[in-house]
Amino acid sequence: MYNLTDEKLKQVSGGGITVAGWTAIGAALVFVVGVIDGYIRPYKCR
């Protein structure tokens, strides 16, 4: 094992989640909540 210099540390990437990833997770969560809400409280179309 060796120590990384400041320059090498700035070049390390990966392991994070992108904005697109958070958007997809949020969209899936909203969809699932909407489906559950539709089954629990079904309203007729107006």
Protein backbone atom coordinates (compact mmCIF):
# COMPACT_ATOMS: atom_id res chain seq x y z
CA MET A 1 0.00 0.00 0.00
CA TYR A 2 1.25 3.50 -0.78
CA ASN A 3 0.22 7.08 -0.08
CA LEU A 4 -1.33 9.11 -2.86
CA THR A 5 -0.13 12.61 -3.60
CA ASP A 6 -2.53 15.54 -3.89
CA GLU A 7 -2.36 15.36 -7.69
CA LYS A 8 -3.23 11.65 -7.73
CA LEU A 9 -6.12 12.20 -5.29
CA LYS A 10 -7.63 14.81 -7.62
CA GLN A 11 -7.64 12.25 -10.46
CA VAL A 12 -9.53 9.56 -8.53
CA SER A 13 -13.14 9.17 -9.70
CA GLY A 14 -16.03 6.79 -9.31
CA GLY A 15 -18.28 5.48 -6.61
CA GLY A 16 -20.67 8.43 -6.65
CA ILE A 17 -24.21 8.66 -7.93
CA THR A 18 -24.95 11.17 -10.67
CA VAL A 19 -27.80 13.65 -10.97
CA ALA A 20 -29.43 11.32 -13.51
CA GLY A 21 -29.25 8.50 -10.97
CA TRP A 22 -30.96 10.58 -8.28
CA THR A 23 -33.60 11.65 -10.82
CA ALA A 24 -34.32 8.04 -11.78
CA ILE A 25 -34.59 7.00 -8.14
CA GLY A 26 -36.94 9.92 -7.42
CA ALA A 27 -39.10 9.15 -10.46
CA ALA A 28 -39.39 5.49 -9.48
CA LEU A 29 -40.32 6.44 -5.92
CA VAL A 30 -43.01 8.88 -7.09
CA PHE A 31 -44.41 6.24 -9.46
CA VAL A 32 -44.60 3.57 -6.74
CA VAL A 33 -46.24 5.99 -4.30
CA GLY A 34 -48.77 6.95 -6.98
CA VAL A 35 -49.64 3.32 -7.70
CA ILE A 36 -50.08 2.55 -4.00
CA ASP A 37 -52.21 5.68 -3.54
CA GLY A 38 -54.35 4.66 -6.51
CA TYR A 39 -55.11 1.29 -4.96
CA ILE A 40 -55.79 2.68 -1.49
CA ARG A 41 -57.91 5.68 -2.54
CA PRO A 42 -59.42 5.03 -5.99
CA TYR A 43 -61.16 8.13 -7.37
CA LYS A 44 -63.31 8.16 -10.48
CA CYS A 45 -62.26 10.35 -13.37
CA ARG A 46 -63.99 13.71 -13.37
